[in-house]
């Protein structure tokens, strides 16, 4: 018996819930975060870190953050 080919599933990134974003602070400085939709990151200007957002979920671990070079 031959199986039909499976349709490919496209996964799209979703923005985090705005209510969630309003409650989040930088885990290092406890300061505000700025959401960058283009890079899918939450940026902490004071800590000079960018925390990734994966599948709409902010990853708020300092060891997962990218250093923002100025």
PDB file of N, CA and C in Angstrom:
ATOM      1  N   UNK A   1       0.841  -1.171   0.000  1.00  0.00           N
ATOM      2  CA  UNK A   1       0.000   0.000   0.000  1.00  0.00           C
ATOM      3  C   UNK A   1       0.891   1.240   0.000  1.00  0.00           C
ATOM      4  N   UNK A   2       0.649   2.148  -0.919  1.00  0.00           N
ATOM      5  CA  UNK A   2       1.443   3.356  -1.051  1.00  0.00           C
ATOM      6  C   UNK A   2       0.798   4.483  -0.266  1.00  0.00           C
ATOM      7  N   UNK A   3       1.649   5.191   0.526  1.00  0.00           N
ATOM      8  CA  UNK A   3       1.130   6.317   1.301  1.00  0.00           C
ATOM      9  C   UNK A   3       1.256   7.594   0.491  1.00  0.00           C
ATOM     10  N   UNK A   4       0.302   8.478   0.690  1.00  0.00           N
ATOM     11  CA  UNK A   4       0.342   9.784   0.032  1.00  0.00           C
ATOM     12  C   UNK A   4       1.442  10.624   0.659  1.00  0.00           C
ATOM     13  N   UNK A   5       2.115  11.458  -0.117  1.00  0.00           N
ATOM     14  CA  UNK A   5       3.147  12.321   0.459  1.00  0.00           C
ATOM     15  C   UNK A   5       2.539  13.290   1.467  1.00  0.00           C
ATOM     16  N   UNK A   6       3.295  13.546   2.509  1.00  0.00           N
ATOM     17  CA  UNK A   6       2.825  14.474   3.546  1.00  0.00           C
ATOM     18  C   UNK A   6       3.025  15.911   3.083  1.00  0.00           C
ATOM     19  N   UNK A   7       2.088  16.740   3.452  1.00  0.00           N
ATOM     20  CA  UNK A   7       2.223  18.168   3.155  1.00  0.00           C
ATOM     21  C   UNK A   7       3.217  18.761   4.146  1.00  0.00           C
ATOM     22  N   UNK A   8       4.079  19.638   3.638  1.00  0.00           N
ATOM     23  CA  UNK A   8       5.043  20.277   4.517  1.00  0.00           C
ATOM     24  C   UNK A   8       4.342  21.326   5.364  1.00  0.00           C
ATOM     25  N   UNK A   9       4.773  21.437   6.593  1.00  0.00           N
ATOM     26  CA  UNK A   9       4.208  22.418   7.508  1.00  0.00           C
ATOM     27  C   UNK A   9       5.173  23.586   7.636  1.00  0.00           C
ATOM     28  N   UNK A  10       4.656  24.780   7.471  1.00  0.00           N
ATOM     29  CA  UNK A  10       5.471  25.972   7.630  1.00  0.00           C
ATOM     30  C   UNK A  10       5.249  26.525   9.023  1.00  0.00           C
ATOM     31  N   UNK A  11       6.333  26.719   9.741  1.00  0.00           N
ATOM     32  CA  UNK A  11       6.252  27.285  11.081  1.00  0.00           C
ATOM     33  C   UNK A  11       6.606  28.751  10.978  1.00  0.00           C
ATOM     34  N   UNK A  12       5.722  29.589  11.491  1.00  0.00           N
ATOM     35  CA  UNK A  12       5.988  31.020  11.464  1.00  0.00           C
ATOM     36  C   UNK A  12       6.204  31.516  12.881  1.00  0.00           C
ATOM     37  N   UNK A  13       7.094  32.478  13.000  1.00  0.00           N
ATOM     38  CA  UNK A  13       7.360  33.068  14.298  1.00  0.00           C
ATOM     39  C   UNK A  13       6.188  33.967  14.668  1.00  0.00           C
ATOM     40  N   UNK A  14       5.784  33.906  15.908  1.00  0.00           N
ATOM     41  CA  UNK A  14       4.722  34.771  16.379  1.00  0.00           C
ATOM     42  C   UNK A  14       5.294  35.741  17.388  1.00  0.00           C
ATOM     43  N   UNK A  15       4.708  36.914  17.417  1.00  0.00           N
ATOM     44  CA  UNK A  15       5.134  37.906  18.393  1.00  0.00           C
ATOM     45  C   UNK A  15       4.653  37.494  19.775  1.00  0.00           C
ATOM     46  N   UNK A  16       5.441  37.818  20.801  1.00  0.00           N
ATOM     47  CA  UNK A  16       4.991  37.525  22.163  1.00  0.00           C
ATOM     48  C   UNK A  16       3.752  38.355  22.491  1.00  0.00           C
ATOM     49  N   UNK A  17       2.992  37.890  23.423  1.00  0.00           N
ATOM     50  CA  UNK A  17       1.801  38.587  23.882  1.00  0.00           C
ATOM     51  C   UNK A  17       2.206  39.946  24.461  1.00  0.00           C
ATOM     52  N   UNK A  18       1.584  41.054  24.010  1.00  0.00           N
ATOM     53  CA  UNK A  18       1.943  42.382  24.530  1.00  0.00           C
ATOM     54  C   UNK A  18       1.774  42.496  26.045  1.00  0.00           C
ATOM     55  N   UNK A  19       0.800  41.786  26.610  1.00  0.00           N
ATOM     56  CA  UNK A  19       0.630  41.817  28.077  1.00  0.00           C
ATOM     57  C   UNK A  19       1.829  41.188  28.771  1.00  0.00           C
ATOM     58  N   UNK A  20       2.353  40.106  28.186  1.00  0.00           N
ATOM     59  CA  UNK A  20       3.537  39.462  28.745  1.00  0.00           C
ATOM     60  C   UNK A  20       4.732  40.399  28.663  1.00  0.00           C
ATOM     61  N   UNK A  21       4.903  41.047  27.514  1.00  0.00           N
ATOM     62  CA  UNK A  21       6.032  41.957  27.334  1.00  0.00           C
ATOM     63  C   UNK A  21       5.993  43.104  28.336  1.00  0.00           C
ATOM     64  N   UNK A  22       4.806  43.588  28.660  1.00  0.00           N
ATOM     65  CA  UNK A  22       4.703  44.711  29.603  1.00  0.00           C
ATOM     66  C   UNK A  22       5.109  44.310  31.016  1.00  0.00           C
ATOM     67  N   UNK A  23       5.099  43.017  31.322  1.00  0.00           N
ATOM     68  CA  UNK A  23       5.468  42.539  32.659  1.00  0.00           C
ATOM     69  C   UNK A  23       6.930  42.129  32.772  1.00  0.00           C
ATOM     70  N   UNK A  24       7.589  41.899  31.640  1.00  0.00           N
ATOM     71  CA  UNK A  24       8.972  41.419  31.672  1.00  0.00           C
ATOM     72  C   UNK A  24       9.961  42.548  31.916  1.00  0.00           C
ATOM     73  N   UNK A  25      10.998  42.234  32.662  1.00  0.00           N
ATOM     74  CA  UNK A  25      12.115  43.148  32.865  1.00  0.00           C
ATOM     75  C   UNK A  25      13.402  42.370  32.623  1.00  0.00           C
ATOM     76  N   UNK A  26      14.486  43.091  32.440  1.00  0.00           N
ATOM     77  CA  UNK A  26      15.780  42.460  32.248  1.00  0.00           C
ATOM     78  C   UNK A  26      16.149  41.694  33.519  1.00  0.00           C
ATOM     79  N   UNK A  27      16.536  40.437  33.396  1.00  0.00           N
ATOM     80  CA  UNK A  27      16.898  39.660  34.583  1.00  0.00           C
ATOM     81  C   UNK A  27      18.209  40.117  35.222  1.00  0.00           C
ATOM     82  N   UNK A  28      18.986  40.901  34.510  1.00  0.00           N
ATOM     83  CA  UNK A  28      20.273  41.378  35.032  1.00  0.00           C
ATOM     84  C   UNK A  28      20.107  42.713  35.755  1.00  0.00           C
ATOM     85  N   UNK A  29      19.448  43.678  35.089  1.00  0.00           N
ATOM     86  CA  UNK A  29      19.336  45.031  35.646  1.00  0.00           C
ATOM     87  C   UNK A  29      17.976  45.332  36.254  1.00  0.00           C
ATOM     88  N   UNK A  30      16.999  44.500  35.986  1.00  0.00           N
ATOM     89  CA  UNK A  30      15.593  44.724  36.374  1.00  0.00           C
ATOM     90  C   UNK A  30      15.002  45.945  35.676  1.00  0.00           C
ATOM     91  N   UNK A  31      15.659  46.381  34.593  1.00  0.00           N
ATOM     92  CA  UNK A  31      15.200  47.526  33.818  1.00  0.00           C
ATOM     93  C   UNK A  31      14.282  47.114  32.682  1.00  0.00           C
ATOM     94  N   UNK A  32      13.771  48.099  31.943  1.00  0.00           N
ATOM     95  CA  UNK A  32      12.833  47.819  30.847  1.00  0.00           C
ATOM     96  C   UNK A  32      13.514  47.136  29.670  1.00  0.00           C
ATOM     97  N   UNK A  33      12.691  46.449  28.887  1.00  0.00           N
ATOM     98  CA  UNK A  33      13.142  45.751  27.684  1.00  0.00           C
ATOM     99  C   UNK A  33      12.447  46.344  26.470  1.00  0.00           C
ATOM    100  N   UNK A  34      13.114  46.298  25.336  1.00  0.00           N
ATOM    101  CA  UNK A  34      12.555  46.790  24.079  1.00  0.00           C
ATOM    102  C   UNK A  34      12.478  45.610  23.119  1.00  0.00           C
ATOM    103  N   UNK A  35      11.279  45.360  22.582  1.00  0.00           N
ATOM    104  CA  UNK A  35      11.102  44.246  21.651  1.00  0.00           C
ATOM    105  C   UNK A  35      11.498  44.673  20.248  1.00  0.00           C
ATOM    106  N   UNK A  36      12.377  43.900  19.620  1.00  0.00           N
ATOM    107  CA  UNK A  36      12.809  44.125  18.244  1.00  0.00           C
ATOM    108  C   UNK A  36      12.230  43.004  17.388  1.00  0.00           C
ATOM    109  N   UNK A  37      11.201  43.332  16.635  1.00  0.00           N
ATOM    110  CA  UNK A  37      10.503  42.331  15.816  1.00  0.00           C
ATOM    111  C   UNK A  37      11.406  41.771  14.718  1.00  0.00           C
ATOM    112  N   UNK A  38      12.271  42.606  14.140  1.00  0.00           N
ATOM    113  CA  UNK A  38      13.138  42.165  13.046  1.00  0.00           C
ATOM    114  C   UNK A  38      14.107  41.071  13.479  1.00  0.00           C
ATOM    115  N   UNK A  39      14.683  41.204  14.672  1.00  0.00           N
ATOM    116  CA  UNK A  39      15.661  40.221  15.144  1.00  0.00           C
ATOM    117  C   UNK A  39      15.063  39.201  16.107  1.00  0.00           C
ATOM    118  N   UNK A  40      13.759  39.368  16.440  1.00  0.00           N
ATOM    119  CA  UNK A  40      13.086  38.467  17.390  1.00  0.00           C
ATOM    120  C   UNK A  40      13.855  38.434  18.718  1.00  0.00           C
ATOM    121  N   UNK A  41      14.105  39.626  19.270  1.00  0.00           N
ATOM    122  CA  UNK A  41      14.856  39.735  20.520  1.00  0.00           C
ATOM    123  C   UNK A  41      14.223  40.777  21.426  1.00  0.00           C
ATOM    124  N   UNK A  42      14.448  40.587  22.705  1.00  0.00           N
ATOM    125  CA  UNK A  42      14.137  41.606  23.708  1.00  0.00           C
ATOM    126  C   UNK A  42      15.467  42.223  24.114  1.00  0.00           C
ATOM    127  N   UNK A  43      15.594  43.513  23.894  1.00  0.00           N
ATOM    128  CA  UNK A  43      16.861  44.196  24.167  1.00  0.00           C
ATOM    129  C   UNK A  43      16.817  44.936  25.485  1.00  0.00           C
ATOM    130  N   UNK A  44      17.914  44.809  26.215  1.00  0.00           N
ATOM    131  CA  UNK A  44      18.091  45.535  27.464  1.00  0.00           C
ATOM    132  C   UNK A  44      19.176  46.586  27.238  1.00  0.00           C
ATOM    133  N   UNK A  45      18.771  47.858  27.077  1.00  0.00           N
ATOM    134  CA  UNK A  45      19.771  48.896  26.826  1.00  0.00           C
ATOM    135  C   UNK A  45      20.784  49.045  27.968  1.00  0.00           C
ATOM    136  N   UNK A  46      20.336  48.902  29.200  1.00  0.00           N
ATOM    137  CA  UNK A  46      21.248  49.072  30.342  1.00  0.00           C
ATOM    138  C   UNK A  46      22.262  47.942  30.452  1.00  0.00           C
ATOM    139  N   UNK A  47      21.843  46.712  30.190  1.00  0.00           N
ATOM    140  CA  UNK A  47      22.743  45.562  30.302  1.00  0.00           C
ATOM    141  C   UNK A  47      23.510  45.307  29.005  1.00  0.00           C
ATOM    142  N   UNK A  48      23.106  45.978  27.922  1.00  0.00           N
ATOM    143  CA  UNK A  48      23.707  45.772  26.599  1.00  0.00           C
ATOM    144  C   UNK A  48      23.584  44.302  26.179  1.00  0.00           C
ATOM    145  N   UNK A  49      22.393  43.732  26.439  1.00  0.00           N
ATOM    146  CA  UNK A  49      22.113  42.340  26.087  1.00  0.00           C
ATOM    147  C   UNK A  49      20.842  42.263  25.260  1.00  0.00           C
ATOM    148  N   UNK A  50      20.760  41.231  24.407  1.00  0.00           N
ATOM    149  CA  UNK A  50      19.558  40.954  23.626  1.00  0.00           C
ATOM    150  C   UNK A  50      19.145  39.514  23.910  1.00  0.00           C
ATOM    151  N   UNK A  51      17.957  39.351  24.454  1.00  0.00           N
ATOM    152  CA  UNK A  51      17.435  38.031  24.811  1.00  0.00           C
ATOM    153  C   UNK A  51      16.581  37.507  23.650  1.00  0.00           C
ATOM    154  N   UNK A  52      16.817  36.274  23.216  1.00  0.00           N
ATOM    155  CA  UNK A  52      16.073  35.750  22.068  1.00  0.00           C
ATOM    156  C   UNK A  52      14.612  35.457  22.407  1.00  0.00           C
ATOM    157  N   UNK A  53      13.789  35.552  21.369  1.00  0.00           N
ATOM    158  CA  UNK A  53      12.386  35.146  21.463  1.00  0.00           C
ATOM    159  C   UNK A  53      12.230  34.009  20.470  1.00  0.00           C
ATOM    160  N   UNK A  54      11.926  32.830  20.971  1.00  0.00           N
ATOM    161  CA  UNK A  54      11.803  31.639  20.127  1.00  0.00           C
ATOM    162  C   UNK A  54      10.363  31.138  20.143  1.00  0.00           C
ATOM    163  N   UNK A  55       9.764  31.073  18.976  1.00  0.00           N
ATOM    164  CA  UNK A  55       8.370  30.644  18.834  1.00  0.00           C
ATOM    165  C   UNK A  55       7.445  31.446  19.735  1.00  0.00           C
ATOM    166  N   UNK A  56       7.735  32.747  19.863  1.00  0.00           N
ATOM    167  CA  UNK A  56       6.899  33.631  20.674  1.00  0.00           C
ATOM    168  C   UNK A  56       7.191  33.582  22.158  1.00  0.00           C
ATOM    169  N   UNK A  57       8.203  32.814  22.566  1.00  0.00           N
ATOM    170  CA  UNK A  57       8.526  32.663  23.993  1.00  0.00           C
ATOM    171  C   UNK A  57       9.860  33.348  24.282  1.00  0.00           C
ATOM    172  N   UNK A  58       9.864  34.375  25.163  1.00  0.00           N
ATOM    173  CA  UNK A  58      11.113  35.026  25.523  1.00  0.00           C
ATOM    174  C   UNK A  58      12.005  34.095  26.349  1.00  0.00           C
ATOM    175  N   UNK A  59      13.266  34.000  25.972  1.00  0.00           N
ATOM    176  CA  UNK A  59      14.245  33.199  26.704  1.00  0.00           C
ATOM    177  C   UNK A  59      15.057  34.179  27.558  1.00  0.00           C
ATOM    178  N   UNK A  60      14.720  34.261  28.829  1.00  0.00           N
ATOM    179  CA  UNK A  60      15.259  35.299  29.704  1.00  0.00           C
ATOM    180  C   UNK A  60      16.450  34.817  30.534  1.00  0.00           C
ATOM    181  N   UNK A  61      17.275  33.994  29.970  1.00  0.00           N
ATOM    182  CA  UNK A  61      18.468  33.499  30.654  1.00  0.00           C
ATOM    183  C   UNK A  61      19.678  34.308  30.191  1.00  0.00           C
ATOM    184  N   UNK A  62      20.438  34.901  31.121  1.00  0.00           N
ATOM    185  CA  UNK A  62      21.605  35.690  30.715  1.00  0.00           C
ATOM    186  C   UNK A  62      22.581  34.902  29.843  1.00  0.00           C
ATOM    187  N   UNK A  63      22.725  33.604  30.086  1.00  0.00           N
ATOM    188  CA  UNK A  63      23.663  32.820  29.280  1.00  0.00           C
ATOM    189  C   UNK A  63      23.166  32.587  27.849  1.00  0.00           C
ATOM    190  N   UNK A  64      21.886  32.822  27.588  1.00  0.00           N
ATOM    191  CA  UNK A  64      21.329  32.699  26.240  1.00  0.00           C
ATOM    192  C   UNK A  64      21.337  34.036  25.508  1.00  0.00           C
ATOM    193  N   UNK A  65      21.621  35.124  26.205  1.00  0.00           N
ATOM    194  CA  UNK A  65      21.568  36.457  25.618  1.00  0.00           C
ATOM    195  C   UNK A  65      22.775  36.720  24.729  1.00  0.00           C
ATOM    196  N   UNK A  66      22.538  37.597  23.763  1.00  0.00           N
ATOM    197  CA  UNK A  66      23.593  38.045  22.863  1.00  0.00           C
ATOM    198  C   UNK A  66      24.051  39.411  23.342  1.00  0.00           C
ATOM    199  N   UNK A  67      25.357  39.615  23.367  1.00  0.00           N
ATOM    200  CA  UNK A  67      25.927  40.897  23.789  1.00  0.00           C
ATOM    201  C   UNK A  67      25.717  41.927  22.678  1.00  0.00           C
ATOM    202  N   UNK A  68      25.219  43.096  23.042  1.00  0.00           N
ATOM    203  CA  UNK A  68      25.042  44.180  22.078  1.00  0.00           C
ATOM    204  C   UNK A  68      26.319  45.002  22.048  1.00  0.00           C
ATOM    205  N   UNK A  69      26.976  44.996  20.920  1.00  0.00           N
ATOM    206  CA  UNK A  69      28.211  45.771  20.768  1.00  0.00           C
ATOM    207  C   UNK A  69      27.871  47.184  20.325  1.00  0.00           C
ATOM    208  N   UNK A  70      28.492  48.138  20.980  1.00  0.00           N
ATOM    209  CA  UNK A  70      28.239  49.542  20.607  1.00  0.00           C
ATOM    210  C   UNK A  70      29.478  50.155  20.025  1.00  0.00           C
TER     211      UNK A  70
END
